[in-house]
Amino acid sequence: MVRTKLILIAIATILAVGSAGVWFIISEKKAAQERRATFFGPSKEHPTTGGQKMKVEW
């Protein structure tokens, strides 16, 4: 009976630690994706849409 309780407690602990680890990894990926978007994203000072077409000058 005690052995069964210890096994169940061990399984519950492993599941809790595993789910916390997965949650931490997913949140870190999301944070890294947001940092990447702000660093490589378009500049707010110089919008690149809706302007004039470029004219080639020779």
PDB file of N, CA and C in Angstrom:
ATOM      1  N   MET A   1       0.820  -1.195   0.000  1.00  0.00           N
ATOM      2  CA  MET A   1       0.000   0.000   0.000  1.00  0.00           C
ATOM      3  C   MET A   1       0.867   1.264   0.000  1.00  0.00           C
ATOM      4  N   VAL A   2       1.912   1.263   0.830  1.00  0.00           N
ATOM      5  CA  VAL A   2       2.807   2.410   0.882  1.00  0.00           C
ATOM      6  C   VAL A   2       3.575   2.528  -0.427  1.00  0.00           C
ATOM      7  N   ARG A   3       3.951   1.385  -1.000  1.00  0.00           N
ATOM      8  CA  ARG A   3       4.693   1.400  -2.262  1.00  0.00           C
ATOM      9  C   ARG A   3       3.835   1.989  -3.374  1.00  0.00           C
ATOM     10  N   THR A   4       2.561   1.653  -3.405  1.00  0.00           N
ATOM     11  CA  THR A   4       1.655   2.184  -4.429  1.00  0.00           C
ATOM     12  C   THR A   4       1.508   3.693  -4.294  1.00  0.00           C
ATOM     13  N   LYS A   5       1.396   4.173  -3.066  1.00  0.00           N
ATOM     14  CA  LYS A   5       1.289   5.618  -2.838  1.00  0.00           C
ATOM     15  C   LYS A   5       2.560   6.337  -3.291  1.00  0.00           C
ATOM     16  N   LEU A   6       3.712   5.751  -3.002  1.00  0.00           N
ATOM     17  CA  LEU A   6       4.971   6.372  -3.424  1.00  0.00           C
ATOM     18  C   LEU A   6       5.084   6.419  -4.946  1.00  0.00           C
ATOM     19  N   ILE A   7       4.652   5.361  -5.605  1.00  0.00           N
ATOM     20  CA  ILE A   7       4.689   5.342  -7.074  1.00  0.00           C
ATOM     21  C   ILE A   7       3.750   6.403  -7.644  1.00  0.00           C
ATOM     22  N   LEU A   8       2.552   6.535  -7.067  1.00  0.00           N
ATOM     23  CA  LEU A   8       1.607   7.551  -7.550  1.00  0.00           C
ATOM     24  C   LEU A   8       2.129   8.961  -7.303  1.00  0.00           C
ATOM     25  N   ILE A   9       2.747   9.178  -6.159  1.00  0.00           N
ATOM     26  CA  ILE A   9       3.328  10.492  -5.862  1.00  0.00           C
ATOM     27  C   ILE A   9       4.475  10.789  -6.828  1.00  0.00           C
ATOM     28  N   ALA A  10       5.286   9.799  -7.120  1.00  0.00           N
ATOM     29  CA  ALA A  10       6.398   9.991  -8.062  1.00  0.00           C
ATOM     30  C   ALA A  10       5.877  10.310  -9.461  1.00  0.00           C
ATOM     31  N   ILE A  11       4.841   9.610  -9.892  1.00  0.00           N
ATOM     32  CA  ILE A  11       4.261   9.880 -11.219  1.00  0.00           C
ATOM     33  C   ILE A  11       3.670  11.278 -11.275  1.00  0.00           C
ATOM     34  N   ALA A  12       2.959  11.685 -10.225  1.00  0.00           N
ATOM     35  CA  ALA A  12       2.370  13.024 -10.188  1.00  0.00           C
ATOM     36  C   ALA A  12       3.456  14.098 -10.206  1.00  0.00           C
ATOM     37  N   THR A  13       4.549  13.854  -9.476  1.00  0.00           N
ATOM     38  CA  THR A  13       5.653  14.815  -9.459  1.00  0.00           C
ATOM     39  C   THR A  13       6.309  14.926 -10.825  1.00  0.00           C
ATOM     40  N   ILE A  14       6.531  13.811 -11.477  1.00  0.00           N
ATOM     41  CA  ILE A  14       7.139  13.821 -12.813  1.00  0.00           C
ATOM     42  C   ILE A  14       6.238  14.550 -13.809  1.00  0.00           C
ATOM     43  N   LEU A  15       4.939  14.309 -13.736  1.00  0.00           N
ATOM     44  CA  LEU A  15       4.013  15.009 -14.639  1.00  0.00           C
ATOM     45  C   LEU A  15       3.992  16.505 -14.369  1.00  0.00           C
ATOM     46  N   ALA A  16       4.027  16.909 -13.104  1.00  0.00           N
ATOM     47  CA  ALA A  16       4.020  18.333 -12.764  1.00  0.00           C
ATOM     48  C   ALA A  16       5.285  19.023 -13.254  1.00  0.00           C
ATOM     49  N   VAL A  17       6.429  18.409 -13.031  1.00  0.00           N
ATOM     50  CA  VAL A  17       7.701  19.000 -13.473  1.00  0.00           C
ATOM     51  C   VAL A  17       7.760  19.042 -14.997  1.00  0.00           C
ATOM     52  N   GLY A  18       7.292  17.997 -15.646  1.00  0.00           N
ATOM     53  CA  GLY A  18       7.298  17.963 -17.108  1.00  0.00           C
ATOM     54  C   GLY A  18       6.402  19.024 -17.715  1.00  0.00           C
ATOM     55  N   SER A  19       5.210  19.189 -17.161  1.00  0.00           N
ATOM     56  CA  SER A  19       4.301  20.201 -17.712  1.00  0.00           C
ATOM     57  C   SER A  19       4.829  21.610 -17.458  1.00  0.00           C
ATOM     58  N   ALA A  20       5.445  21.842 -16.299  1.00  0.00           N
ATOM     59  CA  ALA A  20       6.041  23.149 -16.027  1.00  0.00           C
ATOM     60  C   ALA A  20       7.190  23.423 -16.994  1.00  0.00           C
ATOM     61  N   GLY A  21       7.978  22.414 -17.297  1.00  0.00           N
ATOM     62  CA  GLY A  21       9.081  22.584 -18.248  1.00  0.00           C
ATOM     63  C   GLY A  21       8.593  22.904 -19.644  1.00  0.00           C
ATOM     64  N   VAL A  22       7.548  22.206 -20.079  1.00  0.00           N
ATOM     65  CA  VAL A  22       6.984  22.469 -21.409  1.00  0.00           C
ATOM     66  C   VAL A  22       6.415  23.880 -21.469  1.00  0.00           C
ATOM     67  N   TRP A  23       5.716  24.292 -20.415  1.00  0.00           N
ATOM     68  CA  TRP A  23       5.148  25.646 -20.378  1.00  0.00           C
ATOM     69  C   TRP A  23       6.256  26.700 -20.437  1.00  0.00           C
ATOM     70  N   PHE A  24       7.349  26.470 -19.728  1.00  0.00           N
ATOM     71  CA  PHE A  24       8.464  27.414 -19.726  1.00  0.00           C
ATOM     72  C   PHE A  24       9.097  27.520 -21.102  1.00  0.00           C
ATOM     73  N   ILE A  25       9.276  26.401 -21.773  1.00  0.00           N
ATOM     74  CA  ILE A  25       9.880  26.402 -23.112  1.00  0.00           C
ATOM     75  C   ILE A  25       8.980  27.132 -24.098  1.00  0.00           C
ATOM     76  N   ILE A  26       7.681  26.895 -24.040  1.00  0.00           N
ATOM     77  CA  ILE A  26       6.747  27.557 -24.963  1.00  0.00           C
ATOM     78  C   ILE A  26       6.731  29.059 -24.719  1.00  0.00           C
ATOM     79  N   SER A  27       6.735  29.481 -23.460  1.00  0.00           N
ATOM     80  CA  SER A  27       6.717  30.918 -23.173  1.00  0.00           C
ATOM     81  C   SER A  27       8.018  31.587 -23.622  1.00  0.00           C
ATOM     82  N   GLU A  28       9.136  30.895 -23.512  1.00  0.00           N
ATOM     83  CA  GLU A  28      10.403  31.459 -23.976  1.00  0.00           C
ATOM     84  C   GLU A  28      10.417  31.604 -25.494  1.00  0.00           C
ATOM     85  N   LYS A  29       9.845  30.647 -26.209  1.00  0.00           N
ATOM     86  CA  LYS A  29       9.783  30.752 -27.669  1.00  0.00           C
ATOM     87  C   LYS A  29       8.936  31.943 -28.082  1.00  0.00           C
ATOM     88  N   LYS A  30       7.829  32.158 -27.384  1.00  0.00           N
ATOM     89  CA  LYS A  30       6.951  33.283 -27.715  1.00  0.00           C
ATOM     90  C   LYS A  30       7.659  34.608 -27.443  1.00  0.00           C
ATOM     91  N   ALA A  31       8.367  34.709 -26.343  1.00  0.00           N
ATOM     92  CA  ALA A  31       9.094  35.932 -26.011  1.00  0.00           C
ATOM     93  C   ALA A  31      10.195  36.197 -27.038  1.00  0.00           C
ATOM     94  N   ALA A  32      10.893  35.155 -27.449  1.00  0.00           N
ATOM     95  CA  ALA A  32      11.945  35.321 -28.450  1.00  0.00           C
ATOM     96  C   ALA A  32      11.355  35.752 -29.787  1.00  0.00           C
ATOM     97  N   GLN A  33      10.193  35.240 -30.122  1.00  0.00           N
ATOM     98  CA  GLN A  33       9.546  35.615 -31.376  1.00  0.00           C
ATOM     99  C   GLN A  33       9.132  37.087 -31.339  1.00  0.00           C
ATOM    100  N   GLU A  34       8.646  37.571 -30.205  1.00  0.00           N
ATOM    101  CA  GLU A  34       8.278  38.988 -30.082  1.00  0.00           C
ATOM    102  C   GLU A  34       9.507  39.882 -30.177  1.00  0.00           C
ATOM    103  N   ARG A  35      10.612  39.483 -29.530  1.00  0.00           N
ATOM    104  CA  ARG A  35      11.845  40.274 -29.626  1.00  0.00           C
ATOM    105  C   ARG A  35      12.354  40.325 -31.059  1.00  0.00           C
ATOM    106  N   ARG A  36      12.265  39.193 -31.757  1.00  0.00           N
ATOM    107  CA  ARG A  36      12.711  39.126 -33.150  1.00  0.00           C
ATOM    108  C   ARG A  36      11.855  40.036 -34.024  1.00  0.00           C
ATOM    109  N   ALA A  37      10.549  40.054 -33.793  1.00  0.00           N
ATOM    110  CA  ALA A  37       9.656  40.886 -34.598  1.00  0.00           C
ATOM    111  C   ALA A  37       9.933  42.366 -34.380  1.00  0.00           C
ATOM    112  N   THR A  38      10.219  42.768 -33.152  1.00  0.00           N
ATOM    113  CA  THR A  38      10.499  44.187 -32.914  1.00  0.00           C
ATOM    114  C   THR A  38      11.865  44.582 -33.460  1.00  0.00           C
ATOM    115  N   PHE A  39      12.834  43.685 -33.463  1.00  0.00           N
ATOM    116  CA  PHE A  39      14.164  44.017 -33.957  1.00  0.00           C
ATOM    117  C   PHE A  39      14.217  44.056 -35.474  1.00  0.00           C
ATOM    118  N   PHE A  40      13.634  43.054 -36.143  1.00  0.00           N
ATOM    119  CA  PHE A  40      13.706  42.958 -37.588  1.00  0.00           C
ATOM    120  C   PHE A  40      12.485  43.541 -38.293  1.00  0.00           C
ATOM    121  N   GLY A  41      11.512  44.019 -37.546  1.00  0.00           N
ATOM    122  CA  GLY A  41      10.281  44.534 -38.137  1.00  0.00           C
ATOM    123  C   GLY A  41      10.515  45.833 -38.885  1.00  0.00           C
ATOM    124  N   PRO A  42       9.506  46.288 -39.622  1.00  0.00           N
ATOM    125  CA  PRO A  42       9.651  47.541 -40.358  1.00  0.00           C
ATOM    126  C   PRO A  42       9.745  48.737 -39.415  1.00  0.00           C
ATOM    127  N   SER A  43      10.436  49.734 -39.868  1.00  0.00           N
ATOM    128  CA  SER A  43      10.610  50.940 -39.068  1.00  0.00           C
ATOM    129  C   SER A  43       9.312  51.733 -39.036  1.00  0.00           C
ATOM    130  N   LYS A  44       8.999  52.278 -37.884  1.00  0.00           N
ATOM    131  CA  LYS A  44       7.785  53.091 -37.751  1.00  0.00           C
ATOM    132  C   LYS A  44       8.022  54.509 -38.298  1.00  0.00           C
ATOM    133  N   GLU A  45       9.280  54.949 -38.317  1.00  0.00           N
ATOM    134  CA  GLU A  45       9.596  56.297 -38.773  1.00  0.00           C
ATOM    135  C   GLU A  45       9.555  56.425 -40.294  1.00  0.00           C
ATOM    136  N   HIS A  46       9.874  55.352 -40.983  1.00  0.00           N
ATOM    137  CA  HIS A  46       9.928  55.368 -42.439  1.00  0.00           C
ATOM    138  C   HIS A  46       9.053  54.241 -42.985  1.00  0.00           C
ATOM    139  N   PRO A  47       7.760  54.484 -43.112  1.00  0.00           N
ATOM    140  CA  PRO A  47       6.883  53.419 -43.613  1.00  0.00           C
ATOM    141  C   PRO A  47       7.243  53.058 -45.049  1.00  0.00           C
ATOM    142  N   THR A  48       7.113  51.793 -45.377  1.00  0.00           N
ATOM    143  CA  THR A  48       7.506  51.325 -46.703  1.00  0.00           C
ATOM    144  C   THR A  48       6.310  50.983 -47.580  1.00  0.00           C
ATOM    145  N   THR A  49       5.113  51.311 -47.159  1.00  0.00           N
ATOM    146  CA  THR A  49       3.929  50.998 -47.961  1.00  0.00           C
ATOM    147  C   THR A  49       3.204  52.287 -48.335  1.00  0.00           C
ATOM    148  N   GLY A  50       2.562  52.272 -49.483  1.00  0.00           N
ATOM    149  CA  GLY A  50       1.735  53.397 -49.905  1.00  0.00           C
ATOM    150  C   GLY A  50       2.496  54.588 -50.460  1.00  0.00           C
ATOM    151  N   GLY A  51       3.753  54.416 -50.828  1.00  0.00           N
ATOM    152  CA  GLY A  51       4.522  55.540 -51.349  1.00  0.00           C
ATOM    153  C   GLY A  51       4.541  55.567 -52.870  1.00  0.00           C
ATOM    154  N   GLN A  52       5.365  56.470 -53.435  1.00  0.00           N
ATOM    155  CA  GLN A  52       5.494  56.561 -54.881  1.00  0.00           C
ATOM    156  C   GLN A  52       6.372  55.436 -55.401  1.00  0.00           C
ATOM    157  N   LYS A  53       6.151  55.087 -56.673  1.00  0.00           N
ATOM    158  CA  LYS A  53       7.013  54.097 -57.300  1.00  0.00           C
ATOM    159  C   LYS A  53       8.349  54.738 -57.609  1.00  0.00           C
ATOM    160  N   MET A  54       9.392  53.954 -57.505  1.00  0.00           N
ATOM    161  CA  MET A  54      10.733  54.481 -57.744  1.00  0.00           C
ATOM    162  C   MET A  54      10.941  54.669 -59.251  1.00  0.00           C
ATOM    163  N   LYS A  55      11.616  55.747 -59.596  1.00  0.00           N
ATOM    164  CA  LYS A  55      11.892  56.053 -60.988  1.00  0.00           C
ATOM    165  C   LYS A  55      13.402  55.930 -61.210  1.00  0.00           C
ATOM    166  N   VAL A  56      13.768  55.189 -62.249  1.00  0.00           N
ATOM    167  CA  VAL A  56      15.181  54.995 -62.527  1.00  0.00           C
ATOM    168  C   VAL A  56      15.746  56.257 -63.164  1.00  0.00           C
ATOM    169  N   GLU A  57      16.873  56.733 -62.650  1.00  0.00           N
ATOM    170  CA  GLU A  57      17.525  57.907 -63.220  1.00  0.00           C
ATOM    171  C   GLU A  57      18.860  57.474 -63.813  1.00  0.00           C
ATOM    172  N   TRP A  58      19.077  57.800 -65.089  1.00  0.00           N
ATOM    173  CA  TRP A  58      20.311  57.431 -65.772  1.00  0.00           C
ATOM    174  C   TRP A  58      21.206  58.630 -65.932  1.00  0.00           C
TER     175      TRP A  58
END
